[in-house]
Amino acid sequence: MTTIDTASHTAFAGAGVTHAPSAVAAWVTTSDHKRLGRMLIVSGLVALLGIAAVGALLGFERIDAAATTLDANSITQLFAINRVGLAFFAVLPIMLGLAVAVVPLQLGARSLAFPRLAAAGFWAWLFGVVLIVISIASNGGPGGGAPTFVELFIASYAVMLVGLTAIAGSIATTVLTTRAPGMNMRRVPLFSWSALVSALGLLLVLPVAAGTVIYLYVSYRYNKVPFGGNTGMLGYLGFTLTQPTTFLFALPAIGFAAEMIPVTARRRMPMRNVLLAGVALVGVAVLGGITQVNQSLPWSGSGLNLDDLGTKIADLVNYLVFIGLPLIGLLVVLLLAPLAFKGTRPKITAPFLFGFFGVLMVFVGMLGALVNGITDLGLSGTVFEEGVSNYVLYGAVIAGMGAVSYWGPKLWGRRLNEKALIPLALLGTLAVVLSSLPYYIAGFADQPAGAVTFDYAGPHNIWNVLVTLGHLAMLLTVLSFGAVALKGFRSGPAAGDDPWDAHTLEWATSSPAPANNFAEVHSVGSAEPLLDLKDTGRNS
């Protein structure tokens, strides 16, 4: 038995398919990883448009609690779809879509492992997302008043999680089983390594979340009261929507940024094994998901008490493992970057700027998560945590846009307009800051999280205004990026096989990549196999 199947996505090849129904059927039934990846990425970006609009609406509602235009139940459900949607409708499909499209090419493989499983996972995810939106639009979901549609929300949530789990399983199996000859785990490309760590983490976290959903469904269907009924269900799933689990969702974005370091520096990556370890450390965030515990540091500022010193030390160690180690992992990536650029003349590109600024936003979010859990600061129950999530997840989206602009030429065969992309990288970064940083400040000013129950008076309300503008700026960024991508991938200049002077195997095949990826399987002798094929004279 083999984990790959290269026949299924070539059924229409060479058949002269020109009719629209046949073309649609080819996409619907495809198991070609490049098509599946593109469908996930595009679906995630489209969903992000709606999520950013919802975020702007909620920010606007918070500006003046006395003049809200929505009732309490509607606001509760919008908060639910904003949190769930940003993580599971947008960030995860974009990150997993990039992995599905790119990882087999980076590994020198002809196909994705278990491609039909990944295809089934995509349709299950999409079906679950559509049903969740329908259920909330029909007064279902958290805070909903229609029991039938509340049940639909819970069941659809499970379907969505099953679909994402299937995709993650396919990615992890691909990295573990379909590498080119000579590519051991130390030679795996940095993005593929991050995709493996993230996929393995998702395979642990998502089934735990699915099990929780089953309990919620049985509880609501037969009793209504335990597990919080129709209002408290999201609290039990909150471990998947907050830190440190969100670090796991953003991990492929970190891998992309790490991938861009040596390409931009135009040299082999120094201390590459340390960089691999740093990316793996971010994966420790999986512990927060499988334990279902929101980590905090319950210290008191009243002074040192030797009687409970052991308990305090244990709390500190536990907190630093769950929250601190992922932060240290990303810090390793950021600190190694200057070593790669030392003594070189880097070629700064739009993908690098997207990746750098995006991961910098993720880093600020991780720092915020470290602060948020210190109970003495009184941030629990405030909007501070929402700011942290926005930093991490929106930051991952910004890096994801950079990844699309970097690998898009390999998937579509054409390059995007760099002059149009660079301002978008800056606008996207500004959008992340505006939608996140004001909530850091408002959190210390005790603005509560959740529904609109707090009305800032006077100049303090500027924080809610800025957050609203931040979500609108993100909406504009995604719309503009989509327009640039649509125009570029349809009529932009031909990319060539290796437009970035890159290091990894995906750039050794033609652009766009053919159905089976490679005419022959490459043998790998280092972590930069494409550099080995080039007579450039560059050495680390």
Protein backbone atom coordinates (compact mmCIF):
# COMPACT_ATOMS: atom_id res chain seq x y z
CA MET A 1 0.00 0.00 0.00
CA THR A 2 1.24 3.50 -0.80
CA THR A 3 0.35 6.78 0.84
CA ILE A 4 0.35 8.68 -2.44
CA ASP A 5 -1.80 8.52 -5.54
CA THR A 6 -0.76 10.35 -8.68
CA ALA A 7 -3.42 8.96 -11.01
CA SER A 8 -6.50 10.58 -9.58
CA HIS A 9 -5.57 14.15 -10.42
CA THR A 10 -4.43 13.34 -13.96
CA ALA A 11 -7.71 11.83 -15.08
CA PHE A 12 -8.58 14.97 -17.04
CA ALA A 13 -5.05 15.61 -18.30
CA GLY A 14 -4.61 15.31 -22.02
CA ALA A 15 -8.35 14.79 -22.53
CA GLY A 16 -8.94 18.16 -24.12
CA VAL A 17 -11.22 19.38 -21.36
CA THR A 18 -12.75 22.64 -22.52
CA HIS A 19 -16.33 22.60 -21.27
CA ALA A 20 -17.17 24.51 -18.10
CA PRO A 21 -19.01 21.59 -16.41
CA SER A 22 -16.00 19.34 -16.94
CA ALA A 23 -13.66 22.02 -15.61
CA VAL A 24 -15.82 22.46 -12.51
CA ALA A 25 -15.96 18.68 -12.03
CA ALA A 26 -12.16 18.54 -12.28
CA TRP A 27 -11.86 20.99 -9.38
CA VAL A 28 -14.62 19.40 -7.30
CA THR A 29 -13.21 15.88 -7.62
CA THR A 30 -9.53 16.78 -7.60
CA SER A 31 -6.97 15.29 -5.28
CA ASP A 32 -4.11 17.30 -6.80
CA HIS A 33 -2.47 18.91 -3.79
CA LYS A 34 -1.80 22.15 -5.64
CA ARG A 35 -5.47 22.61 -6.44
CA LEU A 36 -6.54 21.61 -2.94
CA GLY A 37 -4.07 24.06 -1.46
CA ARG A 38 -5.32 26.88 -3.64
CA MET A 39 -8.94 26.14 -2.74
CA LEU A 40 -8.10 26.24 0.96
CA ILE A 41 -6.12 29.48 0.65
CA VAL A 42 -8.78 31.28 -1.41
CA SER A 43 -11.58 30.06 0.87
CA GLY A 44 -9.66 31.27 3.93
CA LEU A 45 -9.05 34.71 2.43
CA VAL A 46 -12.71 35.07 1.44
CA ALA A 47 -13.76 34.08 4.96
CA LEU A 48 -11.30 36.60 6.37
CA LEU A 49 -13.16 39.38 4.58
CA GLY A 50 -16.31 38.52 6.51
CA ILE A 51 -14.46 38.09 9.80
CA ALA A 52 -12.74 41.48 9.47
CA ALA A 53 -16.12 43.07 8.72
CA VAL A 54 -17.63 41.45 11.83
CA GLY A 55 -14.67 42.66 13.89
CA ALA A 56 -15.23 46.20 12.64
CA LEU A 57 -18.94 45.98 13.47
CA LEU A 58 -18.22 44.78 17.01
CA GLY A 59 -15.66 47.54 17.49
CA PHE A 60 -18.23 50.08 16.34
CA GLU A 61 -20.82 48.66 18.76
CA ARG A 62 -18.35 49.05 21.62
CA ILE A 63 -17.82 52.75 20.92
CA ASP A 64 -21.08 53.67 22.60
CA ALA A 65 -22.76 50.95 24.64
CA ALA A 66 -25.80 53.14 25.18
CA ALA A 67 -26.47 53.45 21.47
CA THR A 68 -25.96 49.88 20.25
CA THR A 69 -27.91 48.87 17.14
CA LEU A 70 -27.93 45.12 17.89
CA ASP A 71 -29.59 43.17 20.68
CA ALA A 72 -27.58 41.23 23.27
CA ASN A 73 -28.11 37.81 21.66
CA SER A 74 -26.98 39.04 18.25
CA ILE A 75 -23.87 40.60 19.74
CA THR A 76 -23.03 37.38 21.61
CA GLN A 77 -23.35 35.37 18.40
CA LEU A 78 -21.25 37.86 16.45
CA PHE A 79 -18.53 37.60 19.08
CA ALA A 80 -18.70 33.82 18.72
CA ILE A 81 -18.39 33.82 14.94
CA ASN A 82 -15.61 36.42 15.11
CA ARG A 83 -13.47 34.30 17.42
CA VAL A 84 -14.29 30.95 15.82
CA GLY A 85 -14.09 32.36 12.31
CA LEU A 86 -10.72 34.06 12.66
CA ALA A 87 -9.12 30.84 13.90
CA PHE A 88 -10.99 28.11 12.01
CA PHE A 89 -12.49 29.86 8.95
CA ALA A 90 -9.45 31.94 8.03
CA VAL A 91 -6.09 31.31 9.69
CA LEU A 92 -6.06 27.51 9.80
CA PRO A 93 -7.28 26.98 6.21
CA ILE A 94 -4.76 29.52 4.91
CA MET A 95 -1.90 27.92 6.84
CA LEU A 96 -2.95 24.34 6.00
CA GLY A 97 -3.63 25.34 2.39
CA LEU A 98 -0.09 26.65 2.02
CA ALA A 99 1.25 23.41 3.49
CA VAL A 100 -0.90 21.23 1.23
CA ALA A 101 0.19 23.15 -1.87
CA VAL A 102 3.89 23.58 -1.11
CA VAL A 103 5.15 20.80 1.18
CA PRO A 104 5.15 17.95 -1.42
CA LEU A 105 7.04 20.20 -3.83
CA GLN A 106 9.60 21.11 -1.17
CA LEU A 107 10.12 17.45 -0.30
CA GLY A 108 10.63 16.37 -3.91
CA ALA A 109 7.48 14.23 -3.76
CA ARG A 110 5.15 13.57 -6.67
CA SER A 111 2.00 13.94 -4.59
CA LEU A 112 0.52 14.57 -1.18
CA ALA A 113 0.19 11.56 1.12
CA PHE A 114 -3.42 10.35 1.28
CA PRO A 115 -4.62 12.98 -1.20
CA ARG A 116 -8.24 11.77 -1.15
CA LEU A 117 -8.27 12.09 2.64
CA ALA A 118 -7.11 15.70 2.30
CA ALA A 119 -9.77 16.35 -0.35
CA ALA A 120 -12.47 14.87 1.87
CA GLY A 121 -11.12 17.00 4.72
CA PHE A 122 -11.45 20.16 2.64
CA TRP A 123 -15.08 19.49 1.75
CA ALA A 124 -15.93 18.49 5.32
CA TRP A 125 -14.34 21.71 6.60
CA LEU A 126 -16.18 23.82 4.02
CA PHE A 127 -19.50 22.06 4.71
CA GLY A 128 -19.05 22.61 8.44
CA VAL A 129 -18.22 26.30 7.97
CA VAL A 130 -21.29 26.90 5.78
CA LEU A 131 -23.56 25.18 8.30
CA ILE A 132 -22.08 27.16 11.19
CA VAL A 133 -22.80 30.41 9.36
CA ILE A 134 -26.34 29.24 8.56
CA SER A 135 -26.96 28.22 12.17
CA ILE A 136 -25.81 31.58 13.57
CA ALA A 137 -27.76 33.48 10.93
CA SER A 138 -30.82 31.47 12.07
CA ASN A 139 -30.42 32.45 15.74
CA GLY A 140 -28.36 29.40 16.65
CA GLY A 141 -24.90 29.09 18.15
CA PRO A 142 -23.77 30.53 21.50
CA GLY A 143 -26.53 32.72 22.85
CA GLY A 144 -28.97 31.61 20.17
CA GLY A 145 -32.65 31.26 20.88
CA ALA A 146 -33.51 28.57 18.30
CA PRO A 147 -32.70 25.15 19.85
CA THR A 148 -32.63 23.33 16.51
CA PHE A 149 -30.05 25.71 15.09
CA VAL A 150 -28.02 25.66 18.31
CA GLU A 151 -27.77 21.90 17.83
CA LEU A 152 -26.83 22.48 14.20
CA PHE A 153 -24.06 24.84 15.30
CA ILE A 154 -22.58 22.22 17.64
CA ALA A 155 -22.81 19.40 15.08
CA SER A 156 -21.34 21.58 12.34
CA TYR A 157 -18.45 22.55 14.61
CA ALA A 158 -17.59 18.86 14.92
CA VAL A 159 -17.73 18.37 11.14
CA MET A 160 -15.39 21.33 10.64
CA LEU A 161 -12.90 19.95 13.17
CA VAL A 162 -12.94 16.50 11.56
CA GLY A 163 -12.16 18.05 8.19
CA LEU A 164 -9.20 20.04 9.53
CA THR A 165 -7.91 16.94 11.33
CA ALA A 166 -7.96 14.95 8.08
CA ILE A 167 -5.95 17.65 6.29
CA ALA A 168 -3.42 17.84 9.14
CA GLY A 169 -3.00 14.06 9.06
CA SER A 170 -2.26 14.14 5.36
CA ILE A 171 0.36 16.88 5.79
CA ALA A 172 2.12 15.13 8.67
CA THR A 173 2.22 11.82 6.77
CA THR A 174 3.63 13.57 3.71
CA VAL A 175 6.60 14.98 5.61
CA LEU A 176 7.26 11.71 7.41
CA THR A 177 6.98 9.34 4.43
CA THR A 178 7.43 11.01 1.03
CA ARG A 179 10.76 12.84 1.26
CA ALA A 180 13.23 12.68 -1.62
CA PRO A 181 16.21 10.29 -1.33
CA GLY A 182 18.83 11.75 0.99
CA MET A 183 16.45 14.19 2.69
CA ASN A 184 16.63 13.28 6.35
CA MET A 185 14.73 15.26 8.96
CA ARG A 186 17.63 17.68 9.46
CA ARG A 187 17.46 18.54 5.74
CA VAL A 188 13.73 19.13 5.61
CA PRO A 189 12.98 22.70 4.43
CA LEU A 190 12.11 25.09 7.23
CA PHE A 191 8.54 25.65 6.09
CA SER A 192 7.91 21.92 5.75
CA TRP A 193 9.38 21.41 9.20
CA SER A 194 7.02 23.99 10.68
CA ALA A 195 4.11 22.38 8.82
CA LEU A 196 5.01 19.00 10.34
CA VAL A 197 5.21 20.39 13.88
CA SER A 198 1.94 22.26 13.45
CA ALA A 199 0.15 19.27 11.86
CA LEU A 200 1.26 16.90 14.62
CA GLY A 201 0.04 19.41 17.20
CA LEU A 202 -3.32 19.73 15.44
CA LEU A 203 -3.65 15.94 15.41
CA LEU A 204 -3.48 16.09 19.19
CA VAL A 205 -5.57 19.21 19.82
CA LEU A 206 -8.41 18.93 17.31
CA PRO A 207 -9.63 15.48 18.43
CA VAL A 208 -9.72 16.78 22.01
CA ALA A 209 -11.85 19.68 20.79
CA ALA A 210 -14.08 17.29 18.83
CA GLY A 211 -14.59 15.20 21.97
CA THR A 212 -15.61 18.33 23.86
CA VAL A 213 -18.09 19.16 21.10
CA ILE A 214 -19.66 15.71 21.47
CA TYR A 215 -20.17 16.29 25.19
CA LEU A 216 -21.68 19.70 24.43
CA TYR A 217 -24.06 18.25 21.87
CA VAL A 218 -25.29 15.46 24.13
CA SER A 219 -25.64 17.90 27.03
CA TYR A 220 -27.61 20.47 25.05
CA ARG A 221 -29.70 17.93 23.16
CA TYR A 222 -30.90 16.08 26.25
CA ASN A 223 -30.53 18.46 29.19
CA LYS A 224 -29.86 22.05 28.05
CA VAL A 225 -28.34 23.05 31.41
CA PRO A 226 -24.96 21.31 32.00
CA PHE A 227 -21.93 22.67 30.15
CA GLY A 228 -23.47 26.14 30.08
CA GLY A 229 -26.44 25.47 27.82
CA ASN A 230 -26.64 27.69 24.74
CA THR A 231 -24.58 30.53 26.23
CA GLY A 232 -21.65 28.76 27.88
CA MET A 233 -20.66 26.31 25.17
CA LEU A 234 -17.97 28.52 23.70
CA GLY A 235 -16.33 28.73 27.10
CA TYR A 236 -15.67 25.00 26.99
CA LEU A 237 -14.13 25.34 23.54
CA GLY A 238 -12.20 28.44 24.52
CA PHE A 239 -8.93 26.51 24.86
CA THR A 240 -8.86 26.22 21.03
CA LEU A 241 -9.46 29.94 20.52
CA THR A 242 -6.96 31.46 22.90
CA GLN A 243 -3.30 31.25 23.80
CA PRO A 244 -1.15 29.18 23.65
CA THR A 245 -3.15 27.05 21.17
CA THR A 246 -3.26 29.91 18.67
CA PHE A 247 0.56 29.79 18.54
CA LEU A 248 0.16 26.35 16.97
CA PHE A 249 -2.13 27.78 14.30
CA ALA A 250 0.44 30.48 13.46
CA LEU A 251 3.41 28.10 13.34
CA PRO A 252 3.51 27.68 9.51
CA ALA A 253 3.70 31.48 9.24
CA ILE A 254 6.81 31.35 11.44
CA GLY A 255 8.20 28.60 9.21
CA PHE A 256 7.66 30.77 6.14
CA ALA A 257 9.48 33.69 7.75
CA ALA A 258 12.35 31.36 8.65
CA GLU A 259 12.39 30.11 5.05
CA MET A 260 12.70 33.68 3.78
CA ILE A 261 15.75 34.50 5.91
CA PRO A 262 18.42 32.60 3.89
CA VAL A 263 16.67 33.32 0.56
CA THR A 264 16.67 37.05 1.27
CA ALA A 265 20.23 36.96 2.62
CA ARG A 266 21.29 34.94 -0.45
CA ARG A 267 23.33 32.46 1.52
CA ARG A 268 22.98 29.19 3.39
CA MET A 269 21.38 29.49 6.79
CA PRO A 270 23.95 29.51 9.62
CA MET A 271 23.12 27.46 12.73
CA ARG A 272 20.25 25.84 10.86
CA ASN A 273 19.79 23.05 13.40
CA VAL A 274 19.27 25.65 16.12
CA LEU A 275 16.64 27.29 13.93
CA LEU A 276 14.87 23.94 13.54
CA ALA A 277 14.87 23.57 17.32
CA GLY A 278 13.44 27.06 17.73
CA VAL A 279 10.54 26.30 15.38
CA ALA A 280 9.94 23.02 17.23
CA LEU A 281 9.83 24.86 20.57
CA VAL A 282 6.88 26.89 19.34
CA GLY A 283 5.11 23.55 18.97
CA VAL A 284 5.14 23.15 22.75
CA ALA A 285 1.99 25.28 22.53
CA VAL A 286 0.17 22.01 21.89
CA LEU A 287 0.24 21.37 25.65
CA GLY A 288 -2.26 24.16 26.19
CA GLY A 289 -4.69 22.48 23.82
CA ILE A 290 -4.49 18.91 25.04
CA THR A 291 -4.76 19.92 28.72
CA GLN A 292 -7.67 22.33 28.03
CA VAL A 293 -6.35 24.70 30.69
CA ASN A 294 -6.00 28.45 30.32
CA GLN A 295 -2.61 29.06 31.86
CA SER A 296 -2.13 31.73 34.53
CA LEU A 297 0.44 32.69 37.13
CA PRO A 298 -1.49 33.05 40.41
CA TRP A 299 1.14 34.83 42.41
CA SER A 300 0.35 37.40 45.07
CA GLY A 301 2.26 40.61 45.54
CA SER A 302 1.89 40.42 49.29
CA GLY A 303 5.41 39.17 49.79
CA LEU A 304 7.41 35.96 50.03
CA ASN A 305 5.82 33.19 52.06
CA LEU A 306 8.11 30.20 52.57
CA ASP A 307 5.15 27.97 53.34
CA ASP A 308 3.89 28.08 49.77
CA LEU A 309 7.23 28.72 48.01
CA GLY A 310 7.18 25.26 46.45
CA THR A 311 3.71 25.84 45.02
CA LYS A 312 4.74 29.20 43.58
CA ILE A 313 7.83 27.69 41.95
CA ALA A 314 5.72 24.89 40.48
CA ASP A 315 3.25 27.45 39.12
CA LEU A 316 6.08 29.45 37.60
CA VAL A 317 7.69 26.42 35.93
CA ASN A 318 4.33 25.27 34.56
CA TYR A 319 3.56 28.74 33.24
CA LEU A 320 6.94 29.15 31.57
CA VAL A 321 6.68 25.73 29.90
CA PHE A 322 3.25 26.41 28.43
CA ILE A 323 3.67 30.09 27.53
CA GLY A 324 7.39 30.81 27.78
CA LEU A 325 8.88 28.02 25.64
CA PRO A 326 6.91 28.94 22.48
CA LEU A 327 8.02 32.55 23.00
CA ILE A 328 11.64 31.45 23.36
CA GLY A 329 11.29 29.38 20.17
CA LEU A 330 10.18 32.38 18.13
CA LEU A 331 12.84 34.53 19.78
CA VAL A 332 15.47 32.05 18.55
CA VAL A 333 14.18 32.49 14.99
CA LEU A 334 14.30 36.28 15.26
CA LEU A 335 17.77 36.34 16.84
CA LEU A 336 19.30 34.04 14.23
CA ALA A 337 18.14 36.24 11.36
CA PRO A 338 20.91 38.86 11.83
CA LEU A 339 23.52 36.09 11.62
CA ALA A 340 22.27 35.17 8.16
CA PHE A 341 22.39 38.78 6.99
CA LYS A 342 25.85 39.50 8.40
CA GLY A 343 28.27 40.39 5.62
CA THR A 344 25.71 39.98 2.83
CA ARG A 345 23.75 42.29 0.55
CA PRO A 346 20.20 41.09 1.05
CA LYS A 347 17.57 41.39 -1.63
CA ILE A 348 14.48 42.72 0.15
CA THR A 349 11.27 41.54 -1.48
CA ALA A 350 7.56 41.92 -0.76
CA PRO A 351 7.25 38.29 0.50
CA PHE A 352 10.05 38.93 2.97
CA LEU A 353 8.38 42.10 4.27
CA PHE A 354 5.05 40.32 4.68
CA GLY A 355 6.76 37.46 6.51
CA PHE A 356 8.95 39.66 8.71
CA PHE A 357 6.21 42.05 9.79
CA GLY A 358 3.68 39.25 10.20
CA VAL A 359 5.90 37.21 12.49
CA LEU A 360 6.89 40.34 14.40
CA MET A 361 3.17 40.82 15.13
CA VAL A 362 2.94 37.19 16.28
CA PHE A 363 5.89 37.84 18.60
CA VAL A 364 4.17 40.87 20.14
CA GLY A 365 1.12 38.68 20.65
CA MET A 366 3.22 36.04 22.42
CA LEU A 367 4.65 38.70 24.70
CA GLY A 368 1.12 39.84 25.44
CA ALA A 369 0.11 36.27 26.28
CA LEU A 370 2.96 36.07 28.77
CA VAL A 371 1.72 39.24 30.46
CA ASN A 372 -1.96 38.34 30.25
CA GLY A 373 -1.62 35.29 32.48
CA ILE A 374 -0.10 37.17 35.43
CA THR A 375 -3.12 37.41 37.70
CA ASP A 376 -1.75 40.27 39.80
CA LEU A 377 -2.08 42.56 36.77
CA GLY A 378 -5.85 42.12 36.77
CA LEU A 379 -6.13 41.53 33.03
CA SER A 380 -8.37 38.47 33.27
CA GLY A 381 -11.80 39.14 31.79
CA THR A 382 -10.68 42.26 29.92
CA VAL A 383 -10.20 42.91 26.21
CA PHE A 384 -6.45 42.42 26.65
CA GLU A 385 -6.74 38.75 25.64
CA GLU A 386 -8.66 39.73 22.52
CA GLY A 387 -5.80 42.01 21.58
CA VAL A 388 -3.36 39.13 22.05
CA SER A 389 -5.40 36.87 19.77
CA ASN A 390 -5.65 39.56 17.12
CA TYR A 391 -1.90 40.05 17.17
CA VAL A 392 -1.20 36.33 16.79
CA LEU A 393 -3.88 35.41 14.24
CA TYR A 394 -3.87 38.58 12.15
CA GLY A 395 -0.07 38.47 12.20
CA ALA A 396 -0.21 34.92 10.82
CA VAL A 397 -2.53 36.13 8.06
CA ILE A 398 -0.09 38.87 7.04
CA ALA A 399 2.73 36.31 6.79
CA GLY A 400 0.35 34.03 4.87
CA MET A 401 -0.17 36.73 2.26
CA GLY A 402 3.59 36.89 1.88
CA ALA A 403 3.71 33.12 1.42
CA VAL A 404 1.07 33.34 -1.31
CA SER A 405 3.08 36.02 -3.13
CA TYR A 406 6.27 33.92 -2.73
CA TRP A 407 4.94 30.50 -3.81
CA GLY A 408 2.18 31.81 -6.07
CA PRO A 409 4.50 31.87 -9.11
CA LYS A 410 5.12 28.15 -8.64
CA LEU A 411 1.38 27.43 -8.39
CA TRP A 412 0.07 29.83 -11.05
CA GLY A 413 3.17 30.42 -13.17
CA ARG A 414 3.06 34.23 -12.92
CA ARG A 415 4.51 36.84 -10.59
CA LEU A 416 2.70 39.53 -8.67
CA ASN A 417 3.42 43.25 -8.83
CA GLU A 418 6.04 43.91 -6.13
CA LYS A 419 5.42 47.66 -6.17
CA ALA A 420 1.77 47.07 -5.32
CA LEU A 421 2.52 44.46 -2.64
CA ILE A 422 5.02 46.40 -0.53
CA PRO A 423 2.50 49.11 0.51
CA LEU A 424 0.03 46.33 1.33
CA ALA A 425 2.56 44.73 3.68
CA LEU A 426 2.81 48.05 5.52
CA LEU A 427 -0.97 48.59 5.50
CA GLY A 428 -1.57 45.07 6.81
CA THR A 429 0.92 45.60 9.61
CA LEU A 430 -0.78 48.87 10.54
CA ALA A 431 -4.12 47.03 10.53
CA VAL A 432 -2.80 44.44 12.98
CA VAL A 433 -1.42 47.11 15.30
CA LEU A 434 -4.62 49.17 15.27
CA SER A 435 -6.85 46.15 15.89
CA SER A 436 -4.68 44.83 18.72
CA LEU A 437 -2.55 47.41 20.55
CA PRO A 438 -5.49 49.59 21.72
CA TYR A 439 -6.94 46.56 23.50
CA TYR A 440 -3.63 46.10 25.32
CA ILE A 441 -4.10 49.62 26.67
CA ALA A 442 -7.85 49.23 27.26
CA GLY A 443 -7.20 45.98 29.11
CA PHE A 444 -5.10 47.79 31.67
CA ALA A 445 -7.95 50.33 31.88
CA ASP A 446 -10.31 47.46 32.78
CA GLN A 447 -12.50 47.40 29.66
CA PRO A 448 -14.30 44.02 29.94
CA ALA A 449 -14.24 41.41 27.22
CA GLY A 450 -17.25 40.00 25.44
CA ALA A 451 -20.52 41.75 24.82
CA VAL A 452 -20.96 45.50 25.01
CA THR A 453 -21.37 46.04 28.73
CA PHE A 454 -18.91 48.88 29.19
CA ASP A 455 -19.04 52.37 27.84
CA TYR A 456 -15.88 54.41 27.70
CA ALA A 457 -16.60 58.10 28.09
CA GLY A 458 -14.61 60.96 26.65
CA PRO A 459 -11.12 60.49 25.19
CA HIS A 460 -10.69 56.94 26.52
CA ASN A 461 -13.14 55.66 23.92
CA ILE A 462 -10.49 56.33 21.29
CA TRP A 463 -9.24 52.77 21.81
CA ASN A 464 -12.49 51.27 20.50
CA VAL A 465 -12.44 53.70 17.58
CA LEU A 466 -8.89 52.67 16.68
CA VAL A 467 -9.75 48.96 16.87
CA THR A 468 -12.67 49.53 14.50
CA LEU A 469 -10.35 51.30 12.08
CA GLY A 470 -7.88 48.44 12.41
CA HIS A 471 -10.43 45.84 11.34
CA LEU A 472 -11.50 48.06 8.45
CA ALA A 473 -7.84 48.43 7.42
CA MET A 474 -7.48 44.64 7.48
CA LEU A 475 -10.59 44.36 5.31
CA LEU A 476 -9.04 46.81 2.86
CA THR A 477 -5.72 44.93 2.93
CA VAL A 478 -7.31 41.60 2.09
CA LEU A 479 -9.47 43.12 -0.67
CA SER A 480 -6.47 44.88 -2.20
CA PHE A 481 -4.27 41.80 -1.94
CA GLY A 482 -6.97 39.72 -3.61
CA ALA A 483 -7.22 42.24 -6.45
CA VAL A 484 -3.43 42.30 -6.96
CA ALA A 485 -3.26 38.50 -6.82
CA LEU A 486 -6.17 38.01 -9.23
CA LYS A 487 -4.67 40.38 -11.77
CA GLY A 488 -1.12 39.10 -11.36
CA PHE A 489 -1.86 35.39 -11.50
CA ARG A 490 -4.08 35.86 -14.55
CA SER A 491 -2.02 38.28 -16.64
CA GLY A 492 1.20 39.06 -14.78
CA PRO A 493 4.67 38.41 -16.19
CA ALA A 494 5.78 34.80 -16.52
CA ALA A 495 7.61 33.75 -13.39
CA GLY A 496 10.22 31.37 -14.68
CA ASP A 497 11.21 28.26 -12.80
CA ASP A 498 13.21 30.03 -10.05
CA PRO A 499 12.31 33.74 -9.81
CA TRP A 500 13.68 34.16 -6.27
CA ASP A 501 17.09 32.46 -6.63
CA ALA A 502 15.83 30.07 -3.95
CA HIS A 503 17.31 27.06 -2.19
CA THR A 504 14.69 24.32 -2.03
CA LEU A 505 13.37 21.71 -4.44
CA GLU A 506 10.04 23.29 -5.38
CA TRP A 507 11.98 25.73 -7.56
CA ALA A 508 13.71 22.90 -9.45
CA THR A 509 10.55 22.08 -11.40
CA SER A 510 8.71 24.14 -13.99
CA SER A 511 6.26 26.95 -13.20
CA PRO A 512 3.41 26.25 -12.82
CA ALA A 513 4.33 22.87 -11.39
CA PRO A 514 3.11 19.93 -13.52
CA ALA A 515 0.58 17.35 -12.32
CA ASN A 516 3.17 14.97 -10.91
CA ASN A 517 5.49 17.77 -9.74
CA PHE A 518 8.80 16.34 -11.00
CA ALA A 519 9.87 14.51 -14.14
CA GLU A 520 12.39 12.66 -12.00
CA VAL A 521 12.88 12.31 -8.26
CA HIS A 522 15.82 14.37 -7.06
CA SER A 523 18.47 13.06 -4.73
CA VAL A 524 19.31 15.46 -1.89
CA GLY A 525 22.78 16.01 -0.47
CA SER A 526 22.20 18.98 1.83
CA ALA A 527 19.51 21.22 3.30
CA GLU A 528 19.82 23.50 0.24
CA PRO A 529 19.60 21.07 -2.68
CA LEU A 530 18.86 23.71 -5.29
CA LEU A 531 21.98 25.65 -4.30
CA ASP A 532 23.94 22.46 -4.78
CA LEU A 533 22.73 22.38 -8.39
CA LYS A 534 23.75 25.96 -9.06
CA ASP A 535 27.24 27.01 -9.98
CA THR A 536 27.07 30.27 -8.00
CA GLY A 537 30.16 29.93 -5.89
CA ARG A 538 28.23 30.96 -2.79
CA ASN A 539 29.05 29.08 0.37
CA SER A 540 27.93 29.47 3.95
